[in-house]
Amino acid sequence: MKRVCYFHNPAVAGPFRGYELSTLDPTPYFLESASRWRRRRAQTRLAALLKAEGVDELYRERDQDYMRFVGDFVDSYRNAQLVIMATYNPVHPEILHTGLPQPTKILGFVDDPYSTYVRGIPYLWAFDGAFHVSPGYNSNRRFPEALRQWGCKASRWFPLVTSRYPQFEATEGFFRERDIDVVYVGASYGNKITRLARLKKHFGERLRVHGRWSFGGHVGWLRGLAGKPVYPHWVSALTDAERRALYLRAKIGINMHLSNEPSETGNVRMYEVPAHGAMLLSDKGALDSHETIFTPGIEAVFYDGIADAIEKIEYFATHPAERIAIARAGFERTRRDYDFEAVLQGLLDWASALRRQDAMHE
């Protein structure tokens, strides 16, 4: 059984189809021994792991807690076959290069383009390959091309399917018997609130919005203090079970990405909506990269701007047969091509077949 560090997703730890997956949580190294009055500084140093400049500072200052963590990390995975940084990379690239010469190392690009130059490119030289969750990067190039330009010789697309979806029977009633026109479940990032405010103003109670929004779900109101358009409604968080139940009642699940212009595509919601039988209505990715995930008009519907989204929601709300046909096709595509275990195994098998950079130059 091949030993794999899959950082940082404890949910997948354990044996998996010929692999033994584990991770090492850096949190206890910074917080467990911190006294109450030093806890805030410890939390700041822990948060520094999310950015390359923070990792570099901790490494160069030989921060005691950080060095204990990376020391144990090296000891734990020195003889592993794979080290996959699937969320972010907390280990300084010089340590990866000198301390972990044996494992094949894979870097995940998961929050791009916003994190590309923050916790992606600065580390890339120490890795043997990379995966990207978005097929698109910007209006000039898709992600595989961008990675090649940054010096990465081996890359793979990794659909961002983060959990095992429940298995549903695809009956006619499963797609038809739904009583909520449109739902959005997600966090309150940037200009998304402005877009959601326009949708809510038009649809009112026909649109359900949920998520873990800051300030107890009232951040939409508080934006007015900064002179920004407000979302004048309280937004409540959902448990996993409540989110699944909501999607099963939804006719349409609207998706939007953080960028205002077509850029990244393929967030968690993009797979979660069709996996529960709702029709996916999503914004577009750069260079039509969204079309590599779902076929437009067949498996999902894509919109240009909020005015277009409103028009399309109204259309499919009054054309149930067309909506159901697209929802069914999206559901089947998700079940066929975006199964969690198949996607994860594909990544592990691909990474296992790569040769280490050091070996290439021996």
Protein backbone atom coordinates (compact mmCIF):
# COMPACT_ATOMS: atom_id res chain seq x y z
CA MET A 1 0.00 0.00 0.00
CA LYS A 2 1.44 3.37 -1.04
CA ARG A 3 1.81 5.97 1.70
CA VAL A 4 0.44 9.38 0.76
CA CYS A 5 0.37 12.73 2.52
CA TYR A 6 -2.86 14.39 1.38
CA PHE A 7 -2.66 17.81 2.97
CA HIS A 8 -4.96 18.99 4.42
CA ASN A 9 -8.11 16.89 4.28
CA PRO A 10 -8.57 14.65 7.34
CA ALA A 11 -11.89 13.46 5.88
CA VAL A 12 -10.08 11.24 3.37
CA ALA A 13 -7.52 9.81 5.80
CA GLY A 14 -7.16 6.04 5.87
CA PRO A 15 -6.88 3.24 3.33
CA PHE A 16 -8.16 4.06 -0.14
CA ARG A 17 -7.84 1.74 -3.15
CA GLY A 18 -4.23 0.75 -2.63
CA TYR A 19 -3.17 3.99 -0.95
CA GLU A 20 -2.83 4.91 2.71
CA LEU A 21 -3.77 8.57 3.06
CA SER A 22 -2.95 10.78 6.03
CA THR A 23 -2.20 14.37 6.90
CA LEU A 24 -0.52 16.38 9.65
CA ASP A 25 -2.47 19.27 11.14
CA PRO A 26 -0.27 22.28 11.95
CA THR A 27 -2.86 23.81 14.29
CA PRO A 28 -1.80 22.06 17.52
CA TYR A 29 1.82 23.09 17.03
CA PHE A 30 0.84 26.74 17.28
CA LEU A 31 -2.21 26.78 19.55
CA GLU A 32 -2.15 23.92 22.03
CA SER A 33 0.80 25.17 24.06
CA ALA A 34 0.01 28.88 23.72
CA SER A 35 -0.98 30.63 26.92
CA ARG A 36 -4.12 32.70 26.85
CA TRP A 37 -2.32 36.01 26.41
CA ARG A 38 -0.14 34.61 23.62
CA ARG A 39 -2.95 32.90 21.78
CA ARG A 40 -3.69 35.79 19.40
CA ARG A 41 -0.07 35.92 18.26
CA ALA A 42 -0.13 32.13 17.81
CA GLN A 43 -3.24 32.42 15.64
CA THR A 44 -1.51 35.10 13.54
CA ARG A 45 1.51 32.85 13.01
CA LEU A 46 -0.75 29.93 12.11
CA ALA A 47 -2.56 32.10 9.55
CA ALA A 48 0.84 33.02 8.07
CA LEU A 49 1.00 29.49 6.63
CA LEU A 50 -1.59 30.51 4.04
CA LYS A 51 0.82 32.83 2.22
CA ALA A 52 4.27 32.21 0.81
CA GLU A 53 5.69 35.32 2.45
CA GLY A 54 4.38 34.11 5.81
CA VAL A 55 5.90 30.66 5.38
CA ASP A 56 9.20 32.24 4.35
CA GLU A 57 9.22 34.54 7.39
CA LEU A 58 8.53 31.69 9.81
CA TYR A 59 11.25 29.62 8.16
CA ARG A 60 13.89 32.35 8.10
CA GLU A 61 13.19 33.36 11.69
CA ARG A 62 13.30 29.69 12.69
CA ASP A 63 10.03 30.10 14.53
CA GLN A 64 10.02 27.44 17.24
CA ASP A 65 6.49 26.14 16.64
CA TYR A 66 6.91 26.18 12.89
CA MET A 67 10.19 24.30 12.98
CA ARG A 68 8.63 21.64 15.24
CA PHE A 69 5.80 21.22 12.75
CA VAL A 70 7.97 20.94 9.63
CA GLY A 71 10.39 18.66 11.50
CA ASP A 72 7.59 16.25 12.30
CA PHE A 73 6.25 16.63 8.75
CA VAL A 74 9.57 15.56 7.26
CA ASP A 75 9.89 12.69 9.72
CA SER A 76 6.36 11.51 8.94
CA TYR A 77 6.64 11.58 5.15
CA ARG A 78 10.32 11.04 4.39
CA ASN A 79 9.55 7.57 3.05
CA ALA A 80 6.12 8.29 1.58
CA GLN A 81 5.46 7.76 -2.11
CA LEU A 82 3.43 10.95 -2.56
CA VAL A 83 3.11 14.34 -0.89
CA ILE A 84 0.08 16.17 -2.26
CA MET A 85 -0.60 19.69 -1.02
CA ALA A 86 -4.30 19.63 -1.82
CA THR A 87 -5.41 22.83 -0.06
CA TYR A 88 -2.33 24.96 0.63
CA ASN A 89 1.37 24.37 1.16
CA PRO A 90 2.67 25.04 4.69
CA VAL A 91 6.20 23.67 4.17
CA HIS A 92 8.96 25.94 2.92
CA PRO A 93 10.13 24.85 -0.55
CA GLU A 94 13.75 24.58 0.62
CA ILE A 95 12.63 22.05 3.24
CA LEU A 96 10.61 20.15 0.66
CA HIS A 97 13.59 20.04 -1.66
CA THR A 98 16.24 18.99 0.86
CA GLY A 99 14.21 17.12 3.46
CA LEU A 100 11.81 15.16 1.24
CA PRO A 101 13.81 14.02 -1.80
CA GLN A 102 12.07 10.65 -2.08
CA PRO A 103 8.32 11.39 -2.39
CA THR A 104 6.82 12.71 -5.59
CA LYS A 105 5.45 16.12 -4.65
CA ILE A 106 2.28 17.65 -6.14
CA LEU A 107 1.09 21.21 -5.58
CA GLY A 108 -2.60 22.07 -5.77
CA PHE A 109 -3.79 25.31 -7.37
CA VAL A 110 -7.19 25.61 -5.73
CA ASP A 111 -8.11 29.28 -5.14
CA ASP A 112 -6.86 30.84 -8.34
CA PRO A 113 -6.39 33.37 -9.75
CA TYR A 114 -6.45 35.10 -6.36
CA SER A 115 -3.89 32.80 -4.76
CA THR A 116 -1.68 32.11 -7.78
CA TYR A 117 1.06 34.54 -6.83
CA VAL A 118 0.33 34.23 -3.10
CA ARG A 119 0.72 30.49 -2.52
CA GLY A 120 1.21 28.91 -5.92
CA ILE A 121 4.03 30.08 -8.16
CA PRO A 122 6.53 30.83 -5.33
CA TYR A 123 6.52 27.12 -4.38
CA LEU A 124 6.28 25.53 -7.79
CA TRP A 125 10.02 24.92 -8.33
CA ALA A 126 10.08 22.43 -5.42
CA PHE A 127 7.28 20.25 -6.82
CA ASP A 128 7.27 17.54 -9.47
CA GLY A 129 3.83 18.42 -10.79
CA ALA A 130 0.65 20.31 -10.05
CA PHE A 131 -3.10 19.94 -10.25
CA HIS A 132 -5.55 22.73 -10.94
CA VAL A 133 -9.25 22.83 -10.09
CA SER A 134 -10.18 25.46 -12.68
CA PRO A 135 -9.74 24.72 -16.40
CA GLY A 136 -9.63 28.48 -17.03
CA TYR A 137 -7.17 31.06 -15.74
CA ASN A 138 -7.74 34.36 -17.56
CA SER A 139 -8.79 35.76 -20.92
CA ASN A 140 -5.37 34.98 -22.42
CA ARG A 141 -4.81 31.36 -21.49
CA ARG A 142 -6.27 28.33 -19.80
CA PHE A 143 -4.69 26.85 -16.73
CA PRO A 144 -2.58 24.06 -18.29
CA GLU A 145 -0.93 26.60 -20.59
CA ALA A 146 -0.34 28.98 -17.69
CA LEU A 147 1.31 26.23 -15.65
CA ARG A 148 3.63 25.40 -18.54
CA GLN A 149 4.64 29.04 -18.77
CA TRP A 150 5.42 29.02 -15.06
CA GLY A 151 7.75 26.06 -15.51
CA CYS A 152 5.48 23.18 -14.53
CA LYS A 153 6.04 20.26 -16.91
CA ALA A 154 3.31 17.94 -15.55
CA SER A 155 -0.20 19.01 -14.59
CA ARG A 156 -3.67 17.56 -14.27
CA TRP A 157 -7.17 18.94 -13.96
CA PHE A 158 -8.80 17.92 -10.67
CA PRO A 159 -12.58 18.53 -10.59
CA LEU A 160 -13.36 20.04 -7.20
CA VAL A 161 -15.63 17.25 -5.96
CA THR A 162 -14.98 17.30 -2.24
CA SER A 163 -17.29 14.63 -0.88
CA ARG A 164 -19.30 11.56 -1.73
CA TYR A 165 -22.73 12.64 -2.91
CA PRO A 166 -25.75 10.61 -1.78
CA GLN A 167 -27.08 8.20 -4.38
CA PHE A 168 -30.50 9.19 -5.70
CA GLU A 169 -32.83 7.31 -8.00
CA ALA A 170 -33.31 9.38 -11.15
CA THR A 171 -37.09 9.11 -11.36
CA GLU A 172 -39.29 11.68 -13.06
CA GLY A 173 -40.57 12.78 -9.65
CA PHE A 174 -37.01 13.33 -8.38
CA PHE A 175 -36.56 16.15 -10.90
CA ARG A 176 -40.15 17.44 -11.09
CA GLU A 177 -41.37 17.55 -7.47
CA ARG A 178 -39.53 20.68 -6.33
CA ASP A 179 -41.07 23.75 -4.74
CA ILE A 180 -38.26 26.37 -4.66
CA ASP A 181 -37.49 28.24 -7.86
CA VAL A 182 -33.83 29.07 -7.25
CA VAL A 183 -31.25 28.71 -4.47
CA TYR A 184 -27.74 29.93 -3.76
CA VAL A 185 -25.59 28.50 -0.99
CA GLY A 186 -22.21 30.10 -0.46
CA ALA A 187 -20.05 32.53 1.47
CA SER A 188 -20.16 36.34 1.30
CA TYR A 189 -17.14 37.11 -0.85
CA GLY A 190 -16.55 40.47 -2.52
CA ASN A 191 -18.87 41.55 -5.28
CA LYS A 192 -20.94 38.38 -5.00
CA ILE A 193 -23.13 40.20 -2.46
CA THR A 194 -23.89 42.94 -4.98
CA ARG A 195 -24.90 40.36 -7.56
CA LEU A 196 -27.03 38.47 -5.07
CA ALA A 197 -28.74 41.70 -4.01
CA ARG A 198 -29.89 42.26 -7.60
CA LEU A 199 -31.21 38.70 -7.80
CA LYS A 200 -32.99 38.97 -4.46
CA LYS A 201 -34.59 42.28 -5.42
CA HIS A 202 -36.10 40.66 -8.51
CA PHE A 203 -37.09 37.24 -7.15
CA GLY A 204 -37.87 37.98 -3.51
CA GLU A 205 -39.00 34.85 -1.67
CA ARG A 206 -38.57 32.78 -4.83
CA LEU A 207 -34.81 32.95 -4.21
CA ARG A 208 -33.34 31.28 -1.12
CA VAL A 209 -29.84 32.42 -0.09
CA HIS A 210 -27.88 30.65 2.63
CA GLY A 211 -24.29 30.42 3.76
CA ARG A 212 -21.82 31.24 6.49
CA TRP A 213 -21.86 35.01 6.15
CA SER A 214 -19.84 37.12 8.54
CA PHE A 215 -21.25 39.17 11.41
CA GLY A 216 -23.80 36.49 12.16
CA GLY A 217 -25.27 36.63 8.67
CA HIS A 218 -25.78 40.42 8.73
CA VAL A 219 -22.78 41.51 6.65
CA GLY A 220 -25.13 42.33 3.77
CA TRP A 221 -26.58 45.19 5.82
CA LEU A 222 -23.23 46.38 7.16
CA ARG A 223 -21.78 46.92 3.69
CA GLY A 224 -23.72 50.16 3.59
CA LEU A 225 -21.37 51.61 6.21
CA ALA A 226 -18.57 51.32 3.65
CA GLY A 227 -20.66 52.91 0.92
CA LYS A 228 -21.28 49.60 -0.85
CA PRO A 229 -24.62 48.27 -2.11
CA VAL A 230 -26.39 46.42 0.68
CA TYR A 231 -28.00 43.02 0.75
CA PRO A 232 -30.86 43.90 3.12
CA HIS A 233 -31.57 40.41 4.43
CA TRP A 234 -30.24 38.14 7.13
CA VAL A 235 -28.52 35.06 5.73
CA SER A 236 -28.49 31.86 7.77
CA ALA A 237 -25.97 29.05 7.66
CA LEU A 238 -26.97 25.47 6.93
CA THR A 239 -25.76 22.14 8.21
CA ASP A 240 -24.68 19.60 5.61
CA ALA A 241 -28.01 17.80 5.98
CA GLU A 242 -29.97 21.04 5.64
CA ARG A 243 -28.01 22.02 2.52
CA ARG A 244 -28.72 18.65 0.90
CA ALA A 245 -32.41 18.96 1.77
CA LEU A 246 -32.56 22.45 0.27
CA TYR A 247 -30.94 21.35 -3.00
CA LEU A 248 -33.45 18.51 -3.26
CA ARG A 249 -36.27 21.08 -3.18
CA ALA A 250 -34.64 23.44 -5.69
CA LYS A 251 -35.56 23.66 -9.35
CA ILE A 252 -32.51 25.77 -10.19
CA GLY A 253 -29.23 26.24 -8.36
CA ILE A 254 -27.44 29.43 -9.33
CA ASN A 255 -23.68 29.52 -9.24
CA MET A 256 -21.22 32.38 -9.34
CA HIS A 257 -17.47 32.63 -8.93
CA LEU A 258 -15.48 35.30 -7.15
CA SER A 259 -14.10 37.08 -10.22
CA ASN A 260 -16.29 39.75 -11.76
CA GLU A 261 -15.15 38.87 -15.28
CA PRO A 262 -15.01 35.34 -16.75
CA SER A 263 -11.96 33.73 -15.18
CA GLU A 264 -11.95 30.72 -12.87
CA THR A 265 -14.64 28.05 -13.13
CA GLY A 266 -15.49 24.80 -11.37
CA ASN A 267 -16.08 25.59 -7.69
CA VAL A 268 -17.67 23.05 -5.34
CA ARG A 269 -21.16 24.38 -5.99
CA MET A 270 -20.83 23.72 -9.72
CA TYR A 271 -20.85 19.97 -9.08
CA GLU A 272 -23.02 19.96 -5.98
CA VAL A 273 -26.06 21.52 -7.65
CA PRO A 274 -26.51 18.95 -10.46
CA ALA A 275 -25.53 16.10 -8.13
CA HIS A 276 -28.78 16.79 -6.25
CA GLY A 277 -30.96 16.99 -9.34
CA ALA A 278 -31.32 20.77 -9.66
CA MET A 279 -30.59 22.52 -12.93
CA LEU A 280 -27.25 24.30 -12.79
CA LEU A 281 -27.24 27.94 -13.88
CA SER A 282 -23.68 29.19 -13.73
CA ASP A 283 -21.52 32.10 -14.79
CA LYS A 284 -18.92 31.45 -17.47
CA GLY A 285 -15.19 30.75 -17.26
CA ALA A 286 -12.34 32.31 -19.20
CA LEU A 287 -12.05 31.22 -22.83
CA ASP A 288 -15.29 29.23 -22.45
CA SER A 289 -13.51 26.82 -20.11
CA HIS A 290 -16.83 26.09 -18.39
CA GLU A 291 -17.74 24.07 -21.47
CA THR A 292 -15.13 21.46 -20.51
CA ILE A 293 -17.12 20.71 -17.35
CA PHE A 294 -20.73 20.68 -18.61
CA THR A 295 -22.12 20.99 -22.13
CA PRO A 296 -24.00 24.32 -22.39
CA GLY A 297 -27.73 24.02 -22.97
CA ILE A 298 -27.58 20.25 -22.55
CA GLU A 299 -26.14 19.55 -19.08
CA ALA A 300 -26.16 23.08 -17.63
CA VAL A 301 -27.08 26.64 -18.53
CA PHE A 302 -24.57 29.49 -18.44
CA TYR A 303 -25.26 33.21 -18.19
CA ASP A 304 -23.61 36.50 -19.14
CA GLY A 305 -24.22 38.86 -16.24
CA ILE A 306 -27.05 39.11 -13.73
CA ALA A 307 -29.61 40.50 -16.19
CA ASP A 308 -29.09 37.43 -18.35
CA ALA A 309 -29.32 35.16 -15.30
CA ILE A 310 -32.66 36.71 -14.31
CA GLU A 311 -34.02 36.21 -17.81
CA LYS A 312 -32.94 32.59 -17.91
CA ILE A 313 -34.31 31.78 -14.46
CA GLU A 314 -37.68 33.20 -15.49
CA TYR A 315 -37.61 31.21 -18.72
CA PHE A 316 -36.85 27.85 -17.13
CA ALA A 317 -39.28 28.48 -14.27
CA THR A 318 -42.04 28.49 -16.88
CA HIS A 319 -40.61 25.73 -19.10
CA PRO A 320 -40.34 22.78 -16.72
CA ALA A 321 -39.83 20.12 -19.37
CA GLU A 322 -36.70 21.87 -20.68
CA ARG A 323 -35.42 22.48 -17.16
CA ILE A 324 -35.91 18.85 -16.17
CA ALA A 325 -34.14 17.58 -19.31
CA ILE A 326 -31.07 19.71 -18.51
CA ALA A 327 -31.16 18.83 -14.82
CA ARG A 328 -31.32 15.13 -15.65
CA ALA A 329 -28.41 15.36 -18.11
CA GLY A 330 -26.32 17.32 -15.60
CA PHE A 331 -27.15 14.80 -12.91
CA GLU A 332 -26.07 11.90 -15.11
CA ARG A 333 -22.86 13.67 -16.16
CA THR A 334 -21.96 14.34 -12.53
CA ARG A 335 -22.65 10.77 -11.55
CA ARG A 336 -20.63 9.43 -14.49
CA ASP A 337 -17.59 11.74 -14.60
CA TYR A 338 -17.43 13.50 -11.24
CA ASP A 339 -17.66 10.70 -8.75
CA PHE A 340 -15.55 11.60 -5.71
CA GLU A 341 -13.70 8.32 -5.40
CA ALA A 342 -12.98 8.05 -9.14
CA VAL A 343 -11.70 11.64 -9.28
CA LEU A 344 -9.45 11.11 -6.25
CA GLN A 345 -8.11 7.81 -7.56
CA GLY A 346 -7.37 9.45 -10.90
CA LEU A 347 -5.25 12.08 -9.18
CA LEU A 348 -3.38 9.52 -7.06
CA ASP A 349 -2.70 7.20 -9.99
CA TRP A 350 -1.48 10.08 -12.16
CA ALA A 351 0.81 11.39 -9.42
CA SER A 352 2.17 7.90 -8.75
CA ALA A 353 3.19 7.58 -12.39
CA LEU A 354 5.20 10.81 -12.40
CA ARG A 355 8.95 10.74 -12.07
CA ARG A 356 10.50 12.98 -9.45
CA GLN A 357 12.29 16.09 -10.73
CA ASP A 358 15.53 14.96 -9.09
CA ALA A 359 15.29 11.60 -10.85
CA MET A 360 14.85 13.35 -14.21
CA HIS A 361 18.24 14.99 -13.79
CA GLU A 362 20.20 12.03 -12.41
